[in-house]
Structure formats: C-alpha cells, structure tokens
N, C-alpha and C. Protein backbone atom coordinates (compact mmCIF):
# COMPACT_ATOMS: atom_id res chain seq x y z
N MET A 1 16.10 23.80 -14.49
CA MET A 1 15.15 22.82 -14.99
C MET A 1 13.79 23.49 -15.12
N PRO A 2 13.14 23.37 -16.24
CA PRO A 2 11.83 23.99 -16.43
C PRO A 2 10.80 23.41 -15.46
N PRO A 3 9.86 24.25 -14.99
CA PRO A 3 8.86 23.77 -14.05
C PRO A 3 8.05 22.60 -14.58
N ARG A 4 7.73 22.61 -15.88
CA ARG A 4 6.91 21.55 -16.46
C ARG A 4 7.60 20.18 -16.32
N GLU A 5 8.92 20.17 -16.54
CA GLU A 5 9.67 18.92 -16.46
C GLU A 5 9.70 18.39 -15.02
N SER A 6 9.92 19.29 -14.04
CA SER A 6 9.95 18.84 -12.65
C SER A 6 8.56 18.39 -12.22
N HIS A 7 7.53 19.05 -12.73
CA HIS A 7 6.16 18.63 -12.43
C HIS A 7 5.93 17.21 -12.92
N GLY A 8 6.32 16.95 -14.15
CA GLY A 8 6.14 15.62 -14.72
C GLY A 8 6.93 14.57 -13.98
N ARG A 9 8.14 14.88 -13.54
CA ARG A 9 8.97 13.92 -12.83
C ARG A 9 8.34 13.56 -11.48
N GLY A 10 7.88 14.55 -10.76
CA GLY A 10 7.25 14.29 -9.46
C GLY A 10 6.01 13.43 -9.59
N LEU A 11 5.20 13.74 -10.59
CA LEU A 11 3.99 12.94 -10.81
C LEU A 11 4.34 11.52 -11.23
N ARG A 12 5.37 11.38 -12.06
CA ARG A 12 5.79 10.04 -12.48
C ARG A 12 6.28 9.20 -11.30
N ILE A 13 7.03 9.82 -10.40
CA ILE A 13 7.52 9.09 -9.22
C ILE A 13 6.35 8.62 -8.37
N ILE A 14 5.40 9.51 -8.13
CA ILE A 14 4.22 9.13 -7.33
C ILE A 14 3.41 8.08 -8.07
N ALA A 15 3.27 8.23 -9.38
CA ALA A 15 2.51 7.26 -10.18
C ALA A 15 3.14 5.88 -10.09
N VAL A 16 4.45 5.80 -10.24
CA VAL A 16 5.14 4.51 -10.16
C VAL A 16 4.97 3.91 -8.77
N PHE A 17 5.09 4.73 -7.75
CA PHE A 17 4.91 4.28 -6.37
C PHE A 17 3.51 3.70 -6.18
N LYS A 18 2.50 4.39 -6.68
CA LYS A 18 1.12 3.91 -6.55
C LYS A 18 0.91 2.63 -7.36
N LEU A 19 1.48 2.56 -8.55
CA LEU A 19 1.32 1.36 -9.37
C LEU A 19 2.04 0.16 -8.76
N LEU A 20 3.19 0.38 -8.14
CA LEU A 20 3.88 -0.72 -7.44
C LEU A 20 3.06 -1.23 -6.26
N LYS A 21 2.45 -0.29 -5.52
CA LYS A 21 1.58 -0.69 -4.41
C LYS A 21 0.37 -1.46 -4.93
N ALA A 22 -0.17 -1.03 -6.05
CA ALA A 22 -1.32 -1.73 -6.65
C ALA A 22 -0.93 -3.15 -7.04
N ALA A 23 0.23 -3.30 -7.65
CA ALA A 23 0.68 -4.63 -8.07
C ALA A 23 0.92 -5.54 -6.86
N ALA A 24 1.53 -4.99 -5.82
CA ALA A 24 1.80 -5.79 -4.61
C ALA A 24 0.49 -6.23 -3.95
N LEU A 25 -0.47 -5.33 -3.88
CA LEU A 25 -1.75 -5.69 -3.27
C LEU A 25 -2.52 -6.68 -4.13
N PHE A 26 -2.43 -6.53 -5.44
CA PHE A 26 -3.09 -7.49 -6.32
C PHE A 26 -2.49 -8.88 -6.12
N ALA A 27 -1.16 -8.95 -6.03
CA ALA A 27 -0.49 -10.23 -5.80
C ALA A 27 -0.89 -10.82 -4.45
N ALA A 28 -1.02 -9.97 -3.44
CA ALA A 28 -1.45 -10.45 -2.12
C ALA A 28 -2.87 -11.00 -2.18
N GLY A 29 -3.73 -10.35 -2.93
CA GLY A 29 -5.11 -10.82 -3.08
C GLY A 29 -5.17 -12.17 -3.79
N VAL A 30 -4.37 -12.31 -4.83
CA VAL A 30 -4.30 -13.59 -5.54
C VAL A 30 -3.75 -14.67 -4.62
N GLY A 31 -2.70 -14.30 -3.86
CA GLY A 31 -2.12 -15.24 -2.91
C GLY A 31 -3.12 -15.70 -1.86
N ALA A 32 -3.93 -14.77 -1.37
CA ALA A 32 -4.95 -15.14 -0.39
C ALA A 32 -5.98 -16.09 -1.00
N LEU A 33 -6.35 -15.85 -2.25
CA LEU A 33 -7.31 -16.76 -2.91
C LEU A 33 -6.70 -18.14 -3.13
N ARG A 34 -5.41 -18.20 -3.39
CA ARG A 34 -4.75 -19.49 -3.61
C ARG A 34 -4.67 -20.32 -2.31
N LEU A 35 -4.84 -19.64 -1.18
CA LEU A 35 -4.78 -20.34 0.11
C LEU A 35 -6.15 -20.88 0.55
N LEU A 36 -7.19 -20.60 -0.24
CA LEU A 36 -8.52 -21.11 0.11
C LEU A 36 -8.49 -22.63 0.18
N HIS A 37 -9.21 -23.14 1.14
CA HIS A 37 -9.35 -24.59 1.34
C HIS A 37 -8.03 -25.26 1.71
N LYS A 38 -7.12 -24.50 2.29
CA LYS A 38 -5.85 -25.05 2.74
C LYS A 38 -5.61 -24.62 4.18
N ASP A 39 -4.76 -25.36 4.87
CA ASP A 39 -4.33 -24.97 6.21
C ASP A 39 -3.21 -23.94 6.03
N VAL A 40 -3.56 -22.66 6.24
CA VAL A 40 -2.63 -21.56 5.97
C VAL A 40 -1.37 -21.68 6.82
N ALA A 41 -1.54 -22.01 8.10
CA ALA A 41 -0.38 -22.13 8.98
C ALA A 41 0.55 -23.24 8.49
N GLU A 42 -0.02 -24.30 8.01
CA GLU A 42 0.79 -25.41 7.50
C GLU A 42 1.57 -25.00 6.25
N VAL A 43 0.94 -24.26 5.37
CA VAL A 43 1.61 -23.79 4.15
C VAL A 43 2.76 -22.86 4.52
N VAL A 44 2.52 -21.93 5.44
CA VAL A 44 3.57 -20.99 5.86
C VAL A 44 4.69 -21.73 6.57
N GLU A 45 4.33 -22.69 7.39
CA GLU A 45 5.36 -23.48 8.09
C GLU A 45 6.23 -24.23 7.08
N HIS A 46 5.62 -24.73 6.02
CA HIS A 46 6.38 -25.39 4.96
C HIS A 46 7.43 -24.43 4.38
N TRP A 47 7.01 -23.18 4.08
CA TRP A 47 7.93 -22.21 3.52
C TRP A 47 8.99 -21.77 4.53
N ILE A 48 8.63 -21.72 5.79
CA ILE A 48 9.60 -21.40 6.84
C ILE A 48 10.69 -22.46 6.86
N ASN A 49 10.31 -23.71 6.71
CA ASN A 49 11.29 -24.79 6.69
C ASN A 49 12.16 -24.74 5.43
N ILE A 50 11.56 -24.40 4.29
CA ILE A 50 12.33 -24.31 3.05
C ILE A 50 13.40 -23.21 3.16
N PHE A 51 13.02 -22.07 3.73
CA PHE A 51 13.97 -20.96 3.86
C PHE A 51 14.82 -21.04 5.12
N ARG A 52 14.64 -22.11 5.87
CA ARG A 52 15.44 -22.38 7.07
C ARG A 52 15.38 -21.23 8.08
N VAL A 53 14.18 -20.71 8.28
CA VAL A 53 13.96 -19.68 9.28
C VAL A 53 13.78 -20.38 10.63
N ASP A 54 14.28 -19.77 11.68
CA ASP A 54 14.18 -20.35 13.01
C ASP A 54 12.71 -20.46 13.41
N SER A 55 12.21 -21.66 13.44
CA SER A 55 10.78 -21.87 13.75
C SER A 55 10.45 -21.63 15.22
N HIS A 56 11.46 -21.47 16.06
CA HIS A 56 11.23 -21.21 17.48
C HIS A 56 11.26 -19.71 17.80
N ASN A 57 11.40 -18.91 16.78
CA ASN A 57 11.40 -17.46 16.94
C ASN A 57 10.03 -17.01 17.43
N HIS A 58 10.02 -16.07 18.36
CA HIS A 58 8.77 -15.56 18.94
C HIS A 58 7.85 -15.00 17.86
N PHE A 59 8.39 -14.24 16.93
CA PHE A 59 7.57 -13.61 15.89
C PHE A 59 7.00 -14.65 14.92
N ILE A 60 7.79 -15.67 14.63
CA ILE A 60 7.31 -16.75 13.75
C ILE A 60 6.17 -17.50 14.43
N ASN A 61 6.32 -17.79 15.72
CA ASN A 61 5.25 -18.47 16.45
C ASN A 61 3.99 -17.62 16.52
N LEU A 62 4.16 -16.33 16.72
CA LEU A 62 3.02 -15.41 16.74
C LEU A 62 2.33 -15.40 15.37
N LEU A 63 3.12 -15.35 14.30
CA LEU A 63 2.57 -15.38 12.95
C LEU A 63 1.79 -16.66 12.70
N LEU A 64 2.37 -17.79 13.06
CA LEU A 64 1.70 -19.08 12.85
C LEU A 64 0.41 -19.17 13.66
N MET A 65 0.43 -18.60 14.86
CA MET A 65 -0.78 -18.61 15.69
C MET A 65 -1.90 -17.79 15.04
N LYS A 66 -1.53 -16.62 14.54
CA LYS A 66 -2.54 -15.78 13.88
C LYS A 66 -3.04 -16.41 12.58
N LEU A 67 -2.14 -17.01 11.83
CA LEU A 67 -2.53 -17.63 10.56
C LEU A 67 -3.41 -18.85 10.77
N SER A 68 -3.26 -19.54 11.88
CA SER A 68 -4.08 -20.72 12.14
C SER A 68 -5.55 -20.34 12.34
N ASN A 69 -5.80 -19.07 12.65
CA ASN A 69 -7.17 -18.60 12.84
C ASN A 69 -7.84 -18.17 11.54
N LEU A 70 -7.09 -18.16 10.44
CA LEU A 70 -7.66 -17.75 9.16
C LEU A 70 -8.50 -18.88 8.57
N ASP A 71 -9.75 -18.56 8.29
CA ASP A 71 -10.60 -19.53 7.61
C ASP A 71 -10.90 -19.00 6.21
N ASP A 72 -11.63 -19.77 5.44
CA ASP A 72 -11.91 -19.39 4.06
C ASP A 72 -12.66 -18.07 3.96
N ARG A 73 -13.58 -17.83 4.88
CA ARG A 73 -14.34 -16.58 4.86
C ARG A 73 -13.41 -15.38 5.04
N ARG A 74 -12.49 -15.47 6.00
CA ARG A 74 -11.55 -14.37 6.24
C ARG A 74 -10.57 -14.20 5.08
N LEU A 75 -10.17 -15.31 4.49
CA LEU A 75 -9.28 -15.21 3.32
C LEU A 75 -9.98 -14.51 2.16
N LYS A 76 -11.26 -14.82 1.96
CA LYS A 76 -12.03 -14.15 0.90
C LYS A 76 -12.16 -12.66 1.20
N GLU A 77 -12.45 -12.31 2.46
CA GLU A 77 -12.56 -10.91 2.84
C GLU A 77 -11.23 -10.19 2.65
N LEU A 78 -10.16 -10.85 3.04
CA LEU A 78 -8.83 -10.27 2.87
C LEU A 78 -8.52 -10.03 1.39
N SER A 79 -8.84 -11.00 0.55
CA SER A 79 -8.56 -10.84 -0.88
C SER A 79 -9.44 -9.75 -1.49
N ILE A 80 -10.69 -9.67 -1.10
CA ILE A 80 -11.57 -8.61 -1.61
C ILE A 80 -11.02 -7.24 -1.22
N GLY A 81 -10.62 -7.11 0.03
CA GLY A 81 -10.07 -5.84 0.51
C GLY A 81 -8.80 -5.45 -0.24
N THR A 82 -7.92 -6.41 -0.46
CA THR A 82 -6.69 -6.08 -1.18
C THR A 82 -6.97 -5.75 -2.64
N PHE A 83 -7.96 -6.41 -3.25
CA PHE A 83 -8.31 -6.07 -4.63
C PHE A 83 -8.91 -4.67 -4.72
N ILE A 84 -9.70 -4.28 -3.73
CA ILE A 84 -10.28 -2.92 -3.72
C ILE A 84 -9.18 -1.88 -3.59
N TYR A 85 -8.28 -2.08 -2.63
CA TYR A 85 -7.16 -1.14 -2.46
C TYR A 85 -6.27 -1.13 -3.70
N SER A 86 -6.06 -2.28 -4.30
CA SER A 86 -5.26 -2.36 -5.51
C SER A 86 -5.91 -1.53 -6.62
N ALA A 87 -7.22 -1.63 -6.77
CA ALA A 87 -7.92 -0.86 -7.79
C ALA A 87 -7.80 0.65 -7.54
N ILE A 88 -7.88 1.05 -6.28
CA ILE A 88 -7.73 2.47 -5.94
C ILE A 88 -6.33 2.95 -6.30
N PHE A 89 -5.31 2.20 -5.88
CA PHE A 89 -3.93 2.60 -6.20
C PHE A 89 -3.67 2.57 -7.70
N PHE A 90 -4.25 1.60 -8.40
CA PHE A 90 -4.09 1.53 -9.85
C PHE A 90 -4.73 2.76 -10.51
N THR A 91 -5.91 3.15 -10.06
CA THR A 91 -6.59 4.33 -10.59
C THR A 91 -5.76 5.58 -10.35
N GLU A 92 -5.25 5.72 -9.12
CA GLU A 92 -4.40 6.88 -8.82
C GLU A 92 -3.16 6.88 -9.71
N GLY A 93 -2.49 5.74 -9.77
CA GLY A 93 -1.25 5.65 -10.53
C GLY A 93 -1.43 5.94 -12.00
N MET A 94 -2.44 5.35 -12.61
CA MET A 94 -2.67 5.58 -14.03
C MET A 94 -3.09 7.03 -14.29
N GLY A 95 -3.96 7.56 -13.45
CA GLY A 95 -4.37 8.96 -13.62
C GLY A 95 -3.20 9.92 -13.51
N LEU A 96 -2.33 9.67 -12.53
CA LEU A 96 -1.16 10.53 -12.38
C LEU A 96 -0.18 10.34 -13.53
N ALA A 97 -0.03 9.11 -13.99
CA ALA A 97 0.89 8.84 -15.12
C ALA A 97 0.44 9.59 -16.37
N PHE A 98 -0.87 9.72 -16.55
CA PHE A 98 -1.40 10.44 -17.71
C PHE A 98 -1.65 11.92 -17.40
N ARG A 99 -1.15 12.38 -16.24
CA ARG A 99 -1.22 13.78 -15.82
C ARG A 99 -2.64 14.33 -15.79
N LYS A 100 -3.55 13.53 -15.29
CA LYS A 100 -4.94 13.96 -15.17
C LYS A 100 -5.11 14.74 -13.87
N ARG A 101 -5.72 15.90 -13.98
CA ARG A 101 -5.91 16.76 -12.80
C ARG A 101 -6.80 16.09 -11.77
N TRP A 102 -7.84 15.34 -12.22
CA TRP A 102 -8.72 14.66 -11.28
C TRP A 102 -7.95 13.65 -10.44
N ALA A 103 -6.89 13.07 -11.02
CA ALA A 103 -6.10 12.07 -10.29
C ALA A 103 -5.32 12.73 -9.16
N GLU A 104 -4.89 13.96 -9.37
CA GLU A 104 -4.20 14.68 -8.30
C GLU A 104 -5.16 14.91 -7.12
N TYR A 105 -6.37 15.35 -7.42
CA TYR A 105 -7.37 15.54 -6.36
C TYR A 105 -7.72 14.20 -5.69
N PHE A 106 -7.94 13.19 -6.51
CA PHE A 106 -8.30 11.87 -5.99
C PHE A 106 -7.20 11.33 -5.08
N THR A 107 -5.95 11.47 -5.49
CA THR A 107 -4.83 10.97 -4.69
C THR A 107 -4.70 11.75 -3.39
N ILE A 108 -4.90 13.05 -3.44
CA ILE A 108 -4.86 13.86 -2.21
C ILE A 108 -5.94 13.38 -1.25
N ILE A 109 -7.15 13.20 -1.75
CA ILE A 109 -8.27 12.80 -0.88
C ILE A 109 -8.04 11.42 -0.29
N THR A 110 -7.69 10.45 -1.12
CA THR A 110 -7.53 9.09 -0.61
C THR A 110 -6.33 8.97 0.32
N THR A 111 -5.22 9.60 -0.04
CA THR A 111 -4.03 9.50 0.80
C THR A 111 -4.24 10.24 2.12
N ALA A 112 -4.81 11.44 2.05
CA ALA A 112 -5.05 12.22 3.28
C ALA A 112 -6.07 11.55 4.19
N SER A 113 -7.00 10.81 3.61
CA SER A 113 -8.03 10.17 4.44
C SER A 113 -7.45 9.09 5.36
N PHE A 114 -6.28 8.55 4.99
CA PHE A 114 -5.65 7.53 5.83
C PHE A 114 -4.68 8.11 6.85
N LEU A 115 -4.36 9.39 6.76
CA LEU A 115 -3.39 9.99 7.68
C LEU A 115 -3.83 9.90 9.14
N PRO A 116 -5.10 10.20 9.48
CA PRO A 116 -5.48 10.06 10.89
C PRO A 116 -5.32 8.63 11.42
N LEU A 117 -5.64 7.65 10.61
CA LEU A 117 -5.47 6.26 11.01
C LEU A 117 -3.98 5.93 11.21
N GLU A 118 -3.14 6.42 10.31
CA GLU A 118 -1.71 6.17 10.43
C GLU A 118 -1.15 6.82 11.70
N ILE A 119 -1.59 8.02 12.00
CA ILE A 119 -1.14 8.70 13.22
C ILE A 119 -1.62 7.94 14.45
N TYR A 120 -2.86 7.50 14.44
CA TYR A 120 -3.41 6.72 15.56
C TYR A 120 -2.59 5.44 15.76
N GLU A 121 -2.32 4.73 14.68
CA GLU A 121 -1.53 3.50 14.76
C GLU A 121 -0.13 3.77 15.30
N LEU A 122 0.43 4.89 14.92
CA LEU A 122 1.76 5.27 15.39
C LEU A 122 1.76 5.56 16.89
N VAL A 123 0.69 6.19 17.36
CA VAL A 123 0.57 6.49 18.79
C VAL A 123 0.37 5.20 19.59
N ILE A 124 -0.44 4.29 19.07
CA ILE A 124 -0.72 3.04 19.76
C ILE A 124 0.53 2.17 19.84
N ARG A 125 1.22 2.00 18.72
CA ARG A 125 2.43 1.17 18.69
C ARG A 125 3.41 1.81 17.73
N PHE A 126 4.42 2.43 18.30
CA PHE A 126 5.43 3.13 17.52
C PHE A 126 6.28 2.13 16.73
N GLY A 127 6.58 2.49 15.49
CA GLY A 127 7.45 1.65 14.67
C GLY A 127 8.06 2.46 13.54
N ALA A 128 9.27 2.09 13.16
CA ALA A 128 9.98 2.82 12.10
C ALA A 128 9.24 2.73 10.77
N GLY A 129 8.66 1.56 10.48
CA GLY A 129 7.91 1.41 9.23
C GLY A 129 6.69 2.31 9.19
N LYS A 130 6.04 2.45 10.33
CA LYS A 130 4.86 3.33 10.40
C LYS A 130 5.25 4.78 10.22
N VAL A 131 6.38 5.16 10.79
CA VAL A 131 6.87 6.54 10.63
C VAL A 131 7.20 6.79 9.16
N LEU A 132 7.88 5.84 8.53
CA LEU A 132 8.24 5.99 7.12
C LEU A 132 6.99 6.11 6.24
N ALA A 133 5.99 5.27 6.48
CA ALA A 133 4.75 5.33 5.71
C ALA A 133 4.06 6.67 5.89
N LEU A 134 4.03 7.18 7.12
CA LEU A 134 3.41 8.47 7.39
C LEU A 134 4.15 9.59 6.68
N VAL A 135 5.47 9.58 6.74
CA VAL A 135 6.28 10.62 6.10
C VAL A 135 6.08 10.60 4.59
N ILE A 136 6.08 9.41 4.00
CA ILE A 136 5.88 9.30 2.54
C ILE A 136 4.51 9.84 2.15
N ASN A 137 3.47 9.43 2.88
CA ASN A 137 2.13 9.88 2.54
C ASN A 137 1.96 11.38 2.76
N LEU A 138 2.57 11.92 3.80
CA LEU A 138 2.53 13.37 4.01
C LEU A 138 3.24 14.10 2.86
N ALA A 139 4.36 13.55 2.42
CA ALA A 139 5.10 14.17 1.31
C ALA A 139 4.29 14.13 0.02
N VAL A 140 3.61 13.03 -0.24
CA VAL A 140 2.79 12.91 -1.45
C VAL A 140 1.67 13.94 -1.42
N VAL A 141 0.97 14.03 -0.30
CA VAL A 141 -0.13 14.99 -0.18
C VAL A 141 0.39 16.42 -0.32
N ALA A 142 1.48 16.74 0.38
CA ALA A 142 2.03 18.10 0.31
C ALA A 142 2.46 18.45 -1.10
N TYR A 143 3.13 17.53 -1.78
CA TYR A 143 3.58 17.79 -3.15
C TYR A 143 2.40 18.04 -4.08
N LEU A 144 1.39 17.19 -3.99
CA LEU A 144 0.24 17.35 -4.89
C LEU A 144 -0.54 18.63 -4.60
N VAL A 145 -0.68 18.99 -3.33
CA VAL A 145 -1.35 20.25 -2.98
C VAL A 145 -0.53 21.41 -3.53
N TRP A 146 0.79 21.35 -3.38
CA TRP A 146 1.66 22.40 -3.90
C TRP A 146 1.50 22.52 -5.42
N GLU A 147 1.47 21.39 -6.10
CA GLU A 147 1.31 21.41 -7.57
C GLU A 147 -0.04 21.99 -7.98
N LEU A 148 -1.08 21.64 -7.27
CA LEU A 148 -2.40 22.16 -7.62
C LEU A 148 -2.54 23.66 -7.35
N ARG A 149 -1.78 24.17 -6.40
CA ARG A 149 -1.88 25.58 -6.04
C ARG A 149 -0.97 26.46 -6.91
N ARG A 150 -0.06 25.84 -7.65
CA ARG A 150 0.81 26.65 -8.52
C ARG A 150 -0.03 27.31 -9.60
N PRO A 151 0.40 28.47 -10.04
CA PRO A 151 -0.33 29.14 -11.13
C PRO A 151 -0.35 28.27 -12.38
N ARG A 152 -1.42 28.36 -13.12
CA ARG A 152 -1.60 27.53 -14.32
C ARG A 152 -0.47 27.71 -15.33
N GLU A 153 0.07 28.93 -15.45
CA GLU A 153 1.11 29.19 -16.45
C GLU A 153 2.35 28.35 -16.18
N SER A 154 2.67 28.11 -14.91
CA SER A 154 3.88 27.36 -14.58
C SER A 154 3.64 25.86 -14.58
N ARG A 155 2.39 25.46 -14.73
CA ARG A 155 2.08 24.03 -14.78
C ARG A 155 2.22 23.58 -16.19
C-alpha cells in the first residue's frame, strides 16, 4: 500500500472520530438547553420509567440525586462548555479531513493537553472507559507525531 494512501486513511479515521465526538457534544449541549426551566430529575425519571429501568438501582438513585442539583445556571454552563468542546473537535475533524497540516499540530496539542488530566482521573478512580479513552488519545497523538516526522517525500 502506498504511504500516501495509508496516511490519508489514518487521517480520515481520526477526522471521523473527532467529527462524531463533535456531533455528540453538540447534541448534549442542545439537550442541556432543552432542559432549561424544567425539573431535570423529573424528566430523567420519566425516561427511566419509559425504558423500564430499575428505579431502585444505586446508580440510578445517585444520578437522580446529582441531577436534582442542576439549576438553569449550571445547565447553561454545561451547554456552553459542550458547545466549545464541540467546536474544537469540529475544527480538528474538518482540518484533518481536508489534510491540513495545521490541523495535525492543533490535534496533537489539544489531545495531548488532556492526557495529564486523563491520567490523574485514572489514578483517582480506575475504570475501563478511562483506560480506553487514554489509549485512544495516546494512539492519536503518537500517530500524528509519527506522520509529522515522516520525510516530506513519503507524505
């Protein structure tokens, strides 16, 4: 397989991954805005009943307790934060999709900047999802650094 084709495939995979994350965060931001002026715990409890989830589950009770503390100000902050992250992921994804060199640098910087926080979170409370997120982000950074360090002729 020619190096150029494998380069394009790797960037496309990362671009799609970033664009999917951007879309998910955008949807979460819209969802948070739609919950303004509503009792969030009541809305979630309604959906728990629709999907017939055990409402006596410890994790469900913990979720409902945390959601009952959400007020409009926190929902707005949450939506603003998700929109900002969505814009960052969208920028990375589109830049990588169009094979822009600045997007490779930008993605390395933004992804690597979260690695210390991810490691800290993993040390504080170990979880398989956190390990997976760390491994994926390390792979993205390593791949992009490798691509940037390759000689220009093979790019």
